[in-house]
Amino acid sequence: MATGRIRMYDAKRRFGFLVSEDGDEYYVPAAAASGALGAGDEVEFEPAETAGNRRAVASVTVTRAAPAGSPVGRTMTAPPSWDALEDAERQRRMARRRRR
């Protein structure tokens, strides 16, 4: 069985995605999930035979659950400072003047 990590799983919409150790992304339908899945969970899975470009899994089992406050699947970048925004705007204006 291959191993990977759940990138995102939406229980309401009943689907999700996981990333294998190789870096490949797989679609996880609700029928393949055995138990509750959450972002950041380490899993073992079996790839399904699919036609086309989309990779899917046939079965998924959780080997280690992620901690409750796991930031996996969310963006946690800080917003830019005002100085950075002003500098970017200044550079944009200077580039525009040079093109004229």
Protein backbone atom coordinates (compact mmCIF):
# COMPACT_ATOMS: atom_id res chain seq x y z
CA MET A 1 0.00 0.00 0.00
CA ALA A 2 1.14 3.53 -0.75
CA THR A 3 1.40 6.19 1.94
CA GLY A 4 0.59 9.86 1.93
CA ARG A 5 -1.07 12.75 3.71
CA ILE A 6 -4.58 14.20 3.42
CA ARG A 7 -4.34 17.68 1.92
CA MET A 8 -8.03 18.52 2.17
CA TYR A 9 -11.22 16.60 2.95
CA ASP A 10 -14.70 18.15 3.02
CA ALA A 11 -17.13 15.91 4.92
CA LYS A 12 -20.19 17.91 3.82
CA ARG A 13 -19.37 17.63 0.12
CA ARG A 14 -18.00 14.09 0.61
CA PHE A 15 -14.68 14.31 -1.25
CA GLY A 16 -11.09 15.34 -0.73
CA PHE A 17 -7.52 15.15 -1.97
CA LEU A 18 -4.38 13.49 -0.70
CA VAL A 19 -0.72 13.85 -1.60
CA SER A 20 1.42 10.72 -1.81
CA GLU A 21 5.01 10.48 -0.61
CA ASP A 22 6.05 10.85 -4.28
CA GLY A 23 4.23 14.19 -4.53
CA ASP A 24 1.37 12.94 -6.72
CA GLU A 25 -2.13 14.18 -5.89
CA TYR A 26 -5.11 11.79 -5.69
CA TYR A 27 -8.87 12.35 -5.51
CA VAL A 28 -10.57 10.77 -2.48
CA PRO A 29 -14.30 9.99 -2.87
CA ALA A 30 -16.38 9.39 0.26
CA ALA A 31 -16.85 5.71 -0.66
CA ALA A 32 -13.08 5.14 -0.39
CA ALA A 33 -12.76 6.63 3.11
CA SER A 34 -12.92 4.23 6.03
CA GLY A 35 -13.64 6.47 9.02
CA ALA A 36 -13.27 10.20 9.45
CA LEU A 37 -10.57 11.98 7.48
CA GLY A 38 -9.04 15.34 8.31
CA ALA A 39 -6.40 17.63 6.83
CA GLY A 40 -2.90 16.51 7.78
CA ASP A 41 -3.78 12.88 8.57
CA GLU A 42 -1.16 10.34 7.51
CA VAL A 43 -2.83 7.59 5.50
CA GLU A 44 -2.27 4.37 3.58
CA PHE A 45 -4.19 4.04 0.33
CA GLU A 46 -4.66 1.92 -2.76
CA PRO A 47 -4.77 3.71 -6.11
CA ALA A 48 -7.83 2.90 -8.22
CA GLU A 49 -7.83 1.99 -11.88
CA THR A 50 -9.16 5.10 -13.61
CA ALA A 51 -9.56 6.16 -17.20
CA GLY A 52 -8.26 9.60 -18.03
CA ASN A 53 -5.91 11.95 -16.29
CA ARG A 54 -7.51 12.08 -12.83
CA ARG A 55 -5.96 9.81 -10.22
CA ALA A 56 -8.30 8.38 -7.60
CA VAL A 57 -8.03 6.00 -4.69
CA ALA A 58 -9.98 2.81 -4.00
CA SER A 59 -9.52 2.72 -0.22
CA VAL A 60 -7.98 4.97 2.43
CA THR A 61 -7.12 4.14 6.04
CA VAL A 62 -5.73 6.58 8.60
CA THR A 63 -2.42 5.47 10.14
CA ARG A 64 -1.85 8.57 12.26
CA ALA A 65 -4.30 11.40 12.87
CA ALA A 66 -3.11 15.00 12.68
CA PRO A 67 -3.16 17.19 15.80
CA ALA A 68 -6.33 19.21 16.32
CA GLY A 69 -4.73 22.57 15.48
CA SER A 70 -2.99 21.37 12.33
CA PRO A 71 -2.51 24.19 9.78
CA VAL A 72 -2.22 21.78 6.82
CA GLY A 73 -4.53 22.78 3.99
CA ARG A 74 -4.80 26.41 5.07
CA THR A 75 -2.64 29.33 4.08
CA MET A 76 -0.96 30.90 7.06
CA THR A 77 1.02 33.70 5.44
CA ALA A 78 1.04 37.10 7.07
CA PRO A 79 -0.45 40.00 5.13
CA PRO A 80 2.06 42.44 3.61
CA SER A 81 3.00 45.52 5.62
CA TRP A 82 2.03 49.01 4.52
CA ASP A 83 5.67 49.74 3.69
CA ALA A 84 5.82 46.73 1.38
CA LEU A 85 2.57 47.77 -0.33
CA GLU A 86 3.79 51.35 -0.80
CA ASP A 87 7.11 50.13 -2.17
CA ALA A 88 5.36 47.82 -4.67
CA GLU A 89 3.11 50.69 -5.79
CA ARG A 90 6.13 52.99 -6.19
CA GLN A 91 7.94 50.39 -8.30
CA ARG A 92 4.82 49.87 -10.44
CA ARG A 93 4.56 53.61 -11.12
CA MET A 94 8.26 53.88 -11.98
CA ALA A 95 7.99 50.97 -14.42
CA ARG A 96 4.93 52.58 -16.01
CA ARG A 97 6.80 55.86 -16.48
CA ARG A 98 9.72 54.06 -18.13
CA ARG A 99 7.38 52.41 -20.65
CA ARG A 100 5.98 55.75 -21.83
